[in-house]
């Protein structure tokens, strides 16, 4: 198995645990992710916001 995939699986386990701790479920988080994706787009272009400037 690719070590990178194992690391991603570990990160997902941490996120699932945090989701459970705050009293939510994976499906709810996924629905929010999909909604945000539809409104703002996904990370497919790998563009990162480095900083913002307050006025």
PDB file of N, CA and C in Angstrom:
ATOM      1  N   UNK A   1       0.850  -1.182   0.000  1.00  0.00           N
ATOM      2  CA  UNK A   1       0.000   0.000   0.000  1.00  0.00           C
ATOM      3  C   UNK A   1       0.893   1.241   0.000  1.00  0.00           C
ATOM      4  N   UNK A   2       0.473   2.226  -0.717  1.00  0.00           N
ATOM      5  CA  UNK A   2       1.203   3.490  -0.798  1.00  0.00           C
ATOM      6  C   UNK A   2       1.193   4.185   0.561  1.00  0.00           C
ATOM      7  N   UNK A   3       2.366   4.585   1.049  1.00  0.00           N
ATOM      8  CA  UNK A   3       2.480   5.258   2.339  1.00  0.00           C
ATOM      9  C   UNK A   3       1.652   6.533   2.389  1.00  0.00           C
ATOM     10  N   UNK A   4       1.550   7.247   1.277  1.00  0.00           N
ATOM     11  CA  UNK A   4       0.750   8.470   1.234  1.00  0.00           C
ATOM     12  C   UNK A   4      -0.714   8.166   1.525  1.00  0.00           C
ATOM     13  N   UNK A   5      -1.206   7.065   0.980  1.00  0.00           N
ATOM     14  CA  UNK A   5      -2.595   6.687   1.221  1.00  0.00           C
ATOM     15  C   UNK A   5      -2.815   6.299   2.677  1.00  0.00           C
ATOM     16  N   UNK A   6      -1.831   5.673   3.286  1.00  0.00           N
ATOM     17  CA  UNK A   6      -1.932   5.344   4.702  1.00  0.00           C
ATOM     18  C   UNK A   6      -2.003   6.616   5.541  1.00  0.00           C
ATOM     19  N   UNK A   7      -1.224   7.618   5.186  1.00  0.00           N
ATOM     20  CA  UNK A   7      -1.252   8.898   5.909  1.00  0.00           C
ATOM     21  C   UNK A   7      -2.601   9.585   5.747  1.00  0.00           C
ATOM     22  N   UNK A   8      -3.151   9.545   4.541  1.00  0.00           N
ATOM     23  CA  UNK A   8      -4.476  10.129   4.307  1.00  0.00           C
ATOM     24  C   UNK A   8      -5.522   9.402   5.146  1.00  0.00           C
ATOM     25  N   UNK A   9      -5.426   8.081   5.221  1.00  0.00           N
ATOM     26  CA  UNK A   9      -6.359   7.298   6.039  1.00  0.00           C
ATOM     27  C   UNK A   9      -6.245   7.698   7.509  1.00  0.00           C
ATOM     28  N   UNK A  10      -5.031   7.928   7.994  1.00  0.00           N
ATOM     29  CA  UNK A  10      -4.833   8.370   9.375  1.00  0.00           C
ATOM     30  C   UNK A  10      -5.491   9.726   9.617  1.00  0.00           C
ATOM     31  N   UNK A  11      -5.329  10.644   8.672  1.00  0.00           N
ATOM     32  CA  UNK A  11      -5.941  11.968   8.796  1.00  0.00           C
ATOM     33  C   UNK A  11      -7.456  11.850   8.824  1.00  0.00           C
ATOM     34  N   UNK A  12      -8.006  10.996   7.974  1.00  0.00           N
ATOM     35  CA  UNK A  12      -9.455  10.795   7.969  1.00  0.00           C
ATOM     36  C   UNK A  12      -9.943  10.239   9.307  1.00  0.00           C
ATOM     37  N   UNK A  13      -9.199   9.328   9.894  1.00  0.00           N
ATOM     38  CA  UNK A  13      -9.585   8.783  11.191  1.00  0.00           C
ATOM     39  C   UNK A  13      -9.624   9.875  12.251  1.00  0.00           C
ATOM     40  N   UNK A  14      -8.651  10.779  12.231  1.00  0.00           N
ATOM     41  CA  UNK A  14      -8.634  11.886  13.179  1.00  0.00           C
ATOM     42  C   UNK A  14      -9.855  12.775  12.957  1.00  0.00           C
ATOM     43  N   UNK A  15     -10.148  13.094  11.723  1.00  0.00           N
ATOM     44  CA  UNK A  15     -11.303  13.942  11.413  1.00  0.00           C
ATOM     45  C   UNK A  15     -12.606  13.267  11.809  1.00  0.00           C
ATOM     46  N   UNK A  16     -12.729  11.961  11.579  1.00  0.00           N
ATOM     47  CA  UNK A  16     -13.930  11.235  11.984  1.00  0.00           C
ATOM     48  C   UNK A  16     -14.080  11.265  13.503  1.00  0.00           C
ATOM     49  N   UNK A  17     -12.977  11.118  14.226  1.00  0.00           N
ATOM     50  CA  UNK A  17     -13.022  11.155  15.692  1.00  0.00           C
ATOM     51  C   UNK A  17     -13.454  12.537  16.175  1.00  0.00           C
ATOM     52  N   UNK A  18     -12.913  13.598  15.589  1.00  0.00           N
ATOM     53  CA  UNK A  18     -13.295  14.961  15.969  1.00  0.00           C
ATOM     54  C   UNK A  18     -14.776  15.177  15.681  1.00  0.00           C
ATOM     55  N   UNK A  19     -15.229  14.704  14.544  1.00  0.00           N
ATOM     56  CA  UNK A  19     -16.639  14.825  14.181  1.00  0.00           C
ATOM     57  C   UNK A  19     -17.523  14.178  15.238  1.00  0.00           C
ATOM     58  N   UNK A  20     -17.139  12.993  15.686  1.00  0.00           N
ATOM     59  CA  UNK A  20     -17.901  12.285  16.711  1.00  0.00           C
ATOM     60  C   UNK A  20     -17.860  13.030  18.046  1.00  0.00           C
ATOM     61  N   UNK A  21     -16.699  13.550  18.400  1.00  0.00           N
ATOM     62  CA  UNK A  21     -16.546  14.268  19.670  1.00  0.00           C
ATOM     63  C   UNK A  21     -17.467  15.481  19.738  1.00  0.00           C
ATOM     64  N   UNK A  22     -17.627  16.185  18.626  1.00  0.00           N
ATOM     65  CA  UNK A  22     -18.485  17.376  18.633  1.00  0.00           C
ATOM     66  C   UNK A  22     -19.961  17.040  18.457  1.00  0.00           C
ATOM     67  N   UNK A  23     -20.266  15.743  18.387  1.00  0.00           N
ATOM     68  CA  UNK A  23     -21.663  15.313  18.336  1.00  0.00           C
ATOM     69  C   UNK A  23     -22.275  15.325  16.956  1.00  0.00           C
ATOM     70  N   UNK A  24     -21.464  15.189  15.951  1.00  0.00           N
ATOM     71  CA  UNK A  24     -21.959  15.172  14.581  1.00  0.00           C
ATOM     72  C   UNK A  24     -21.690  13.803  13.960  1.00  0.00           C
ATOM     73  N   UNK A  25     -22.033  13.673  12.699  1.00  0.00           N
ATOM     74  CA  UNK A  25     -21.778  12.427  11.977  1.00  0.00           C
ATOM     75  C   UNK A  25     -21.078  12.742  10.663  1.00  0.00           C
ATOM     76  N   UNK A  26     -20.374  11.748  10.133  1.00  0.00           N
ATOM     77  CA  UNK A  26     -19.611  11.936   8.893  1.00  0.00           C
ATOM     78  C   UNK A  26     -20.493  12.445   7.760  1.00  0.00           C
ATOM     79  N   UNK A  27     -21.705  11.920   7.673  1.00  0.00           N
ATOM     80  CA  UNK A  27     -22.598  12.294   6.575  1.00  0.00           C
ATOM     81  C   UNK A  27     -22.969  13.772   6.627  1.00  0.00           C
ATOM     82  N   UNK A  28     -23.167  14.302   7.836  1.00  0.00           N
ATOM     83  CA  UNK A  28     -23.497  15.721   7.977  1.00  0.00           C
ATOM     84  C   UNK A  28     -22.338  16.585   7.496  1.00  0.00           C
ATOM     85  N   UNK A  29     -21.130  16.217   7.901  1.00  0.00           N
ATOM     86  CA  UNK A  29     -19.941  16.958   7.471  1.00  0.00           C
ATOM     87  C   UNK A  29     -19.800  16.867   5.956  1.00  0.00           C
ATOM     88  N   UNK A  30     -20.032  15.697   5.406  1.00  0.00           N
ATOM     89  CA  UNK A  30     -19.919  15.522   3.957  1.00  0.00           C
ATOM     90  C   UNK A  30     -20.962  16.354   3.219  1.00  0.00           C
ATOM     91  N   UNK A  31     -22.172  16.440   3.756  1.00  0.00           N
ATOM     92  CA  UNK A  31     -23.206  17.266   3.124  1.00  0.00           C
ATOM     93  C   UNK A  31     -22.808  18.737   3.129  1.00  0.00           C
ATOM     94  N   UNK A  32     -22.199  19.197   4.222  1.00  0.00           N
ATOM     95  CA  UNK A  32     -21.718  20.580   4.292  1.00  0.00           C
ATOM     96  C   UNK A  32     -20.605  20.789   3.272  1.00  0.00           C
ATOM     97  N   UNK A  33     -19.696  19.817   3.168  1.00  0.00           N
ATOM     98  CA  UNK A  33     -18.600  19.899   2.195  1.00  0.00           C
ATOM     99  C   UNK A  33     -19.141  20.022   0.779  1.00  0.00           C
ATOM    100  N   UNK A  34     -20.132  19.217   0.454  1.00  0.00           N
ATOM    101  CA  UNK A  34     -20.729  19.251  -0.889  1.00  0.00           C
ATOM    102  C   UNK A  34     -21.390  20.594  -1.146  1.00  0.00           C
ATOM    103  N   UNK A  35     -22.117  21.100  -0.154  1.00  0.00           N
ATOM    104  CA  UNK A  35     -22.791  22.391  -0.307  1.00  0.00           C
ATOM    105  C   UNK A  35     -21.779  23.511  -0.551  1.00  0.00           C
ATOM    106  N   UNK A  36     -20.700  23.526   0.236  1.00  0.00           N
ATOM    107  CA  UNK A  36     -19.670  24.547   0.051  1.00  0.00           C
ATOM    108  C   UNK A  36     -18.996  24.398  -1.313  1.00  0.00           C
ATOM    109  N   UNK A  37     -18.796  23.156  -1.717  1.00  0.00           N
ATOM    110  CA  UNK A  37     -18.193  22.884  -3.019  1.00  0.00           C
ATOM    111  C   UNK A  37     -19.061  23.467  -4.122  1.00  0.00           C
ATOM    112  N   UNK A  38     -20.374  23.270  -4.028  1.00  0.00           N
ATOM    113  CA  UNK A  38     -21.295  23.776  -5.043  1.00  0.00           C
ATOM    114  C   UNK A  38     -21.324  25.304  -5.085  1.00  0.00           C
ATOM    115  N   UNK A  39     -21.178  25.941  -3.914  1.00  0.00           N
ATOM    116  CA  UNK A  39     -21.232  27.403  -3.845  1.00  0.00           C
ATOM    117  C   UNK A  39     -19.904  28.061  -4.224  1.00  0.00           C
ATOM    118  N   UNK A  40     -18.795  27.468  -3.767  1.00  0.00           N
ATOM    119  CA  UNK A  40     -17.494  28.130  -3.897  1.00  0.00           C
ATOM    120  C   UNK A  40     -16.498  27.394  -4.775  1.00  0.00           C
ATOM    121  N   UNK A  41     -16.847  26.190  -5.162  1.00  0.00           N
ATOM    122  CA  UNK A  41     -15.906  25.405  -5.951  1.00  0.00           C
ATOM    123  C   UNK A  41     -15.074  24.506  -5.061  1.00  0.00           C
ATOM    124  N   UNK A  42     -14.390  23.582  -5.690  1.00  0.00           N
ATOM    125  CA  UNK A  42     -13.599  22.600  -4.968  1.00  0.00           C
ATOM    126  C   UNK A  42     -12.122  22.943  -5.058  1.00  0.00           C
ATOM    127  N   UNK A  43     -11.314  22.044  -4.574  1.00  0.00           N
ATOM    128  CA  UNK A  43      -9.875  22.231  -4.539  1.00  0.00           C
ATOM    129  C   UNK A  43      -9.213  21.595  -5.766  1.00  0.00           C
ATOM    130  N   UNK A  44      -9.957  21.409  -6.829  1.00  0.00           N
ATOM    131  CA  UNK A  44      -9.433  20.702  -8.001  1.00  0.00           C
ATOM    132  C   UNK A  44      -8.309  21.448  -8.705  1.00  0.00           C
ATOM    133  N   UNK A  45      -8.315  22.778  -8.622  1.00  0.00           N
ATOM    134  CA  UNK A  45      -7.254  23.558  -9.267  1.00  0.00           C
ATOM    135  C   UNK A  45      -6.065  23.777  -8.338  1.00  0.00           C
ATOM    136  N   UNK A  46      -6.176  23.322  -7.101  1.00  0.00           N
ATOM    137  CA  UNK A  46      -5.109  23.413  -6.093  1.00  0.00           C
ATOM    138  C   UNK A  46      -4.615  24.832  -5.877  1.00  0.00           C
ATOM    139  N   UNK A  47      -5.546  25.769  -5.884  1.00  0.00           N
ATOM    140  CA  UNK A  47      -5.225  27.163  -5.615  1.00  0.00           C
ATOM    141  C   UNK A  47      -5.395  27.399  -4.119  1.00  0.00           C
ATOM    142  N   UNK A  48      -4.363  27.955  -3.487  1.00  0.00           N
ATOM    143  CA  UNK A  48      -4.389  28.204  -2.051  1.00  0.00           C
ATOM    144  C   UNK A  48      -4.484  29.691  -1.764  1.00  0.00           C
ATOM    145  N   UNK A  49      -5.278  30.041  -0.762  1.00  0.00           N
ATOM    146  CA  UNK A  49      -5.328  31.412  -0.268  1.00  0.00           C
ATOM    147  C   UNK A  49      -4.220  31.532   0.784  1.00  0.00           C
ATOM    148  N   UNK A  50      -3.239  32.348   0.509  1.00  0.00           N
ATOM    149  CA  UNK A  50      -2.094  32.498   1.397  1.00  0.00           C
ATOM    150  C   UNK A  50      -2.396  33.466   2.532  1.00  0.00           C
ATOM    151  N   UNK A  51      -3.042  34.580   2.211  1.00  0.00           N
ATOM    152  CA  UNK A  51      -3.385  35.552   3.257  1.00  0.00           C
ATOM    153  C   UNK A  51      -4.527  36.434   2.798  1.00  0.00           C
ATOM    154  N   UNK A  52      -5.059  37.150   3.749  1.00  0.00           N
ATOM    155  CA  UNK A  52      -6.073  38.155   3.456  1.00  0.00           C
ATOM    156  C   UNK A  52      -5.642  39.467   4.088  1.00  0.00           C
ATOM    157  N   UNK A  53      -6.202  40.539   3.625  1.00  0.00           N
ATOM    158  CA  UNK A  53      -5.835  41.846   4.154  1.00  0.00           C
ATOM    159  C   UNK A  53      -7.101  42.506   4.698  1.00  0.00           C
ATOM    160  N   UNK A  54      -7.055  42.878   5.967  1.00  0.00           N
ATOM    161  CA  UNK A  54      -8.193  43.580   6.563  1.00  0.00           C
ATOM    162  C   UNK A  54      -8.079  45.053   6.262  1.00  0.00           C
ATOM    163  N   UNK A  55      -9.225  45.660   6.012  1.00  0.00           N
ATOM    164  CA  UNK A  55      -9.233  47.097   5.726  1.00  0.00           C
ATOM    165  C   UNK A  55      -9.918  47.844   6.815  1.00  0.00           C
TER     166      UNK A  55
END
